[in-house]
Amino acid sequence: MSATTISSRELNQDVSNAKRQSATGPVIITDRGTPAHVLMTMAHYRQLTENQPSIVDLLAMPQTDIEFEPQPVTSQLFKAADLT
């Protein structure tokens, strides 16, 4: 599967051609020479996104006990606020 690159102007002039090219691989659409968008078939999109874990699953911590005993701050950099 090879990617094709076209400019935004080319896309606007011939959308049908871009859609045909997306059948063989993703079409990278540039804006002022910089890749900005990707056109692909729905089948290819589904193939890329199916069975992917959610961000919640990726960030979930295993159910284990974590021992945490913070030490008191003993720095002289902090002093009590004078509220009077």
N, C-alpha and C. Protein backbone atom coordinates (compact mmCIF):
# COMPACT_ATOMS: atom_id res chain seq x y z
N MET A 1 0.85 -1.16 0.00
CA MET A 1 0.00 0.00 0.00
C MET A 1 0.90 1.24 0.00
N SER A 2 0.80 2.04 -1.04
CA SER A 2 1.65 3.22 -1.14
C SER A 2 0.83 4.48 -0.97
N ALA A 3 1.41 5.47 -0.35
CA ALA A 3 0.74 6.75 -0.13
C ALA A 3 0.97 7.66 -1.32
N THR A 4 -0.05 8.44 -1.65
CA THR A 4 0.02 9.44 -2.71
C THR A 4 -0.08 10.80 -2.06
N THR A 5 0.66 11.76 -2.58
CA THR A 5 0.61 13.12 -2.04
C THR A 5 0.05 14.06 -3.10
N ILE A 6 -0.94 14.86 -2.70
CA ILE A 6 -1.49 15.87 -3.59
C ILE A 6 -1.67 17.17 -2.81
N SER A 7 -1.70 18.27 -3.53
CA SER A 7 -1.89 19.57 -2.87
C SER A 7 -3.39 19.82 -2.66
N SER A 8 -3.69 20.76 -1.81
CA SER A 8 -5.09 21.14 -1.58
C SER A 8 -5.73 21.62 -2.88
N ARG A 9 -4.97 22.33 -3.69
CA ARG A 9 -5.48 22.83 -4.96
C ARG A 9 -5.84 21.67 -5.89
N GLU A 10 -4.95 20.66 -5.96
CA GLU A 10 -5.25 19.48 -6.79
C GLU A 10 -6.50 18.77 -6.29
N LEU A 11 -6.67 18.69 -4.99
CA LEU A 11 -7.86 18.05 -4.43
C LEU A 11 -9.11 18.81 -4.85
N ASN A 12 -9.08 20.13 -4.72
CA ASN A 12 -10.24 20.94 -5.08
C ASN A 12 -10.58 20.84 -6.57
N GLN A 13 -9.56 20.66 -7.40
CA GLN A 13 -9.79 20.59 -8.84
C GLN A 13 -10.29 19.24 -9.28
N ASP A 14 -9.93 18.16 -8.57
CA ASP A 14 -10.32 16.81 -9.01
C ASP A 14 -10.51 15.88 -7.81
N VAL A 15 -11.62 16.05 -7.12
CA VAL A 15 -11.93 15.23 -5.95
C VAL A 15 -12.07 13.76 -6.35
N SER A 16 -12.68 13.51 -7.49
CA SER A 16 -12.89 12.12 -7.94
C SER A 16 -11.57 11.38 -8.09
N ASN A 17 -10.56 12.05 -8.62
CA ASN A 17 -9.24 11.42 -8.77
C ASN A 17 -8.66 11.08 -7.40
N ALA A 18 -8.78 11.98 -6.43
CA ALA A 18 -8.26 11.71 -5.08
C ALA A 18 -8.97 10.53 -4.46
N LYS A 19 -10.28 10.44 -4.65
CA LYS A 19 -11.03 9.30 -4.12
C LYS A 19 -10.59 8.00 -4.77
N ARG A 20 -10.34 8.02 -6.07
CA ARG A 20 -9.86 6.80 -6.76
C ARG A 20 -8.49 6.39 -6.24
N GLN A 21 -7.62 7.37 -6.03
CA GLN A 21 -6.27 7.07 -5.53
C GLN A 21 -6.32 6.50 -4.11
N SER A 22 -7.30 6.90 -3.34
CA SER A 22 -7.39 6.40 -1.95
C SER A 22 -7.73 4.92 -1.90
N ALA A 23 -8.22 4.36 -3.01
CA ALA A 23 -8.52 2.92 -3.05
C ALA A 23 -7.25 2.08 -3.00
N THR A 24 -6.12 2.65 -3.39
CA THR A 24 -4.85 1.89 -3.38
C THR A 24 -3.96 2.25 -2.20
N GLY A 25 -4.35 3.27 -1.42
CA GLY A 25 -3.57 3.66 -0.26
C GLY A 25 -3.95 5.05 0.17
N PRO A 26 -3.45 5.50 1.30
CA PRO A 26 -3.81 6.82 1.81
C PRO A 26 -3.34 7.93 0.86
N VAL A 27 -4.12 9.00 0.80
CA VAL A 27 -3.78 10.18 0.01
C VAL A 27 -3.46 11.30 0.99
N ILE A 28 -2.22 11.77 0.97
CA ILE A 28 -1.79 12.84 1.86
C ILE A 28 -2.06 14.15 1.14
N ILE A 29 -2.80 15.03 1.79
CA ILE A 29 -3.16 16.31 1.20
C ILE A 29 -2.32 17.38 1.89
N THR A 30 -1.58 18.14 1.08
CA THR A 30 -0.70 19.16 1.63
C THR A 30 -1.35 20.53 1.58
N ASP A 31 -0.96 21.37 2.50
CA ASP A 31 -1.37 22.77 2.52
C ASP A 31 -0.11 23.60 2.55
N ARG A 32 0.19 24.26 1.44
CA ARG A 32 1.42 25.04 1.28
C ARG A 32 2.66 24.16 1.46
N GLY A 33 2.57 22.95 0.96
CA GLY A 33 3.70 22.02 0.98
C GLY A 33 3.84 21.21 2.26
N THR A 34 3.01 21.47 3.24
CA THR A 34 3.07 20.75 4.51
C THR A 34 1.92 19.76 4.59
N PRO A 35 2.19 18.48 4.91
CA PRO A 35 1.10 17.51 5.05
C PRO A 35 0.08 18.01 6.08
N ALA A 36 -1.20 18.04 5.68
CA ALA A 36 -2.24 18.58 6.56
C ALA A 36 -3.38 17.61 6.81
N HIS A 37 -3.72 16.75 5.83
CA HIS A 37 -4.85 15.84 5.96
C HIS A 37 -4.52 14.53 5.27
N VAL A 38 -5.30 13.51 5.61
CA VAL A 38 -5.16 12.21 4.96
C VAL A 38 -6.54 11.75 4.53
N LEU A 39 -6.65 11.32 3.27
CA LEU A 39 -7.88 10.76 2.74
C LEU A 39 -7.66 9.26 2.58
N MET A 40 -8.58 8.47 3.12
CA MET A 40 -8.47 7.01 3.00
C MET A 40 -9.87 6.42 2.92
N THR A 41 -9.93 5.18 2.48
CA THR A 41 -11.23 4.52 2.42
C THR A 41 -11.70 4.20 3.83
N MET A 42 -12.99 4.04 3.96
CA MET A 42 -13.57 3.70 5.27
C MET A 42 -13.06 2.34 5.74
N ALA A 43 -12.87 1.42 4.82
CA ALA A 43 -12.37 0.08 5.18
C ALA A 43 -10.97 0.19 5.78
N HIS A 44 -10.12 1.02 5.18
CA HIS A 44 -8.77 1.18 5.70
C HIS A 44 -8.80 1.87 7.07
N TYR A 45 -9.66 2.87 7.23
CA TYR A 45 -9.81 3.54 8.52
C TYR A 45 -10.24 2.56 9.60
N ARG A 46 -11.23 1.75 9.30
CA ARG A 46 -11.71 0.75 10.28
C ARG A 46 -10.61 -0.24 10.64
N GLN A 47 -9.83 -0.64 9.64
CA GLN A 47 -8.72 -1.57 9.89
C GLN A 47 -7.72 -0.95 10.86
N LEU A 48 -7.47 0.34 10.73
CA LEU A 48 -6.52 1.02 11.62
C LEU A 48 -7.05 1.22 13.03
N THR A 49 -8.36 1.38 13.15
CA THR A 49 -8.92 1.76 14.45
C THR A 49 -9.60 0.64 15.23
N GLU A 50 -9.89 -0.48 14.60
CA GLU A 50 -10.60 -1.53 15.33
C GLU A 50 -9.68 -2.23 16.32
N ASN A 51 -10.28 -2.68 17.39
CA ASN A 51 -9.59 -3.43 18.45
C ASN A 51 -8.45 -2.65 19.09
N GLN A 52 -8.58 -1.33 19.13
CA GLN A 52 -7.58 -0.51 19.79
C GLN A 52 -8.06 -0.23 21.21
N PRO A 53 -7.18 -0.34 22.20
CA PRO A 53 -7.62 -0.04 23.56
C PRO A 53 -7.93 1.44 23.71
N SER A 54 -8.85 1.76 24.60
CA SER A 54 -9.19 3.16 24.84
C SER A 54 -8.10 3.80 25.69
N ILE A 55 -8.10 5.12 25.72
CA ILE A 55 -7.11 5.83 26.54
C ILE A 55 -7.28 5.49 28.02
N VAL A 56 -8.50 5.21 28.43
CA VAL A 56 -8.75 4.82 29.83
C VAL A 56 -8.06 3.49 30.12
N ASP A 57 -8.17 2.53 29.20
CA ASP A 57 -7.51 1.24 29.39
C ASP A 57 -6.00 1.40 29.42
N LEU A 58 -5.46 2.27 28.58
CA LEU A 58 -4.01 2.46 28.53
C LEU A 58 -3.47 3.12 29.79
N LEU A 59 -4.25 4.00 30.39
CA LEU A 59 -3.78 4.72 31.57
C LEU A 59 -4.13 4.04 32.89
N ALA A 60 -4.95 3.00 32.85
CA ALA A 60 -5.37 2.33 34.07
C ALA A 60 -4.19 1.66 34.75
N MET A 61 -4.13 1.81 36.06
CA MET A 61 -3.07 1.17 36.82
C MET A 61 -3.58 -0.20 37.28
N PRO A 62 -2.69 -1.16 37.36
CA PRO A 62 -3.12 -2.46 37.87
C PRO A 62 -3.56 -2.32 39.33
N GLN A 63 -4.44 -3.20 39.75
CA GLN A 63 -4.98 -3.15 41.11
C GLN A 63 -3.96 -3.70 42.09
N THR A 64 -2.99 -2.89 42.45
CA THR A 64 -2.00 -3.29 43.44
C THR A 64 -1.94 -2.22 44.53
N ASP A 65 -1.55 -2.64 45.71
CA ASP A 65 -1.39 -1.70 46.81
C ASP A 65 -0.05 -0.98 46.66
N ILE A 66 -0.08 0.31 46.78
CA ILE A 66 1.14 1.11 46.69
C ILE A 66 1.37 1.74 48.05
N GLU A 67 2.51 1.47 48.62
CA GLU A 67 2.85 2.06 49.91
C GLU A 67 3.49 3.41 49.66
N PHE A 68 2.92 4.43 50.30
CA PHE A 68 3.42 5.78 50.11
C PHE A 68 3.38 6.50 51.44
N GLU A 69 4.54 6.87 51.94
CA GLU A 69 4.64 7.59 53.19
C GLU A 69 5.50 8.82 52.96
N PRO A 70 4.85 9.95 52.63
CA PRO A 70 5.64 11.15 52.36
C PRO A 70 6.33 11.66 53.62
N GLN A 71 7.50 12.19 53.45
CA GLN A 71 8.27 12.74 54.57
C GLN A 71 7.84 14.19 54.78
N PRO A 72 7.86 14.65 56.04
CA PRO A 72 7.49 16.05 56.29
C PRO A 72 8.51 17.00 55.66
N VAL A 73 8.01 18.15 55.24
CA VAL A 73 8.88 19.16 54.64
C VAL A 73 9.64 19.85 55.76
N THR A 74 10.96 19.85 55.67
CA THR A 74 11.78 20.46 56.72
C THR A 74 12.59 21.63 56.18
N SER A 75 12.25 22.10 55.02
CA SER A 75 13.00 23.18 54.39
C SER A 75 12.74 24.50 55.10
N GLN A 76 13.73 25.36 55.15
CA GLN A 76 13.59 26.69 55.73
C GLN A 76 13.10 27.69 54.69
N LEU A 77 12.81 27.22 53.49
CA LEU A 77 12.34 28.11 52.44
C LEU A 77 10.91 28.57 52.69
N PHE A 78 10.17 27.81 53.49
CA PHE A 78 8.78 28.13 53.74
C PHE A 78 8.61 28.60 55.17
N LYS A 79 7.75 29.59 55.36
CA LYS A 79 7.44 30.02 56.73
C LYS A 79 5.93 30.19 56.83
N ALA A 80 5.44 30.15 58.03
CA ALA A 80 4.00 30.28 58.27
C ALA A 80 3.53 31.66 57.84
N ALA A 81 2.32 31.71 57.29
CA ALA A 81 1.74 32.99 56.85
C ALA A 81 1.31 33.80 58.06
N ASP A 82 1.55 35.09 58.01
CA ASP A 82 1.11 36.00 59.08
C ASP A 82 -0.25 36.55 58.67
N LEU A 83 -1.32 36.06 59.32
CA LEU A 83 -2.67 36.43 58.94
C LEU A 83 -3.24 37.53 59.83
N THR A 84 -2.41 38.20 60.59
CA THR A 84 -2.93 39.25 61.48
C THR A 84 -2.83 40.60 60.86
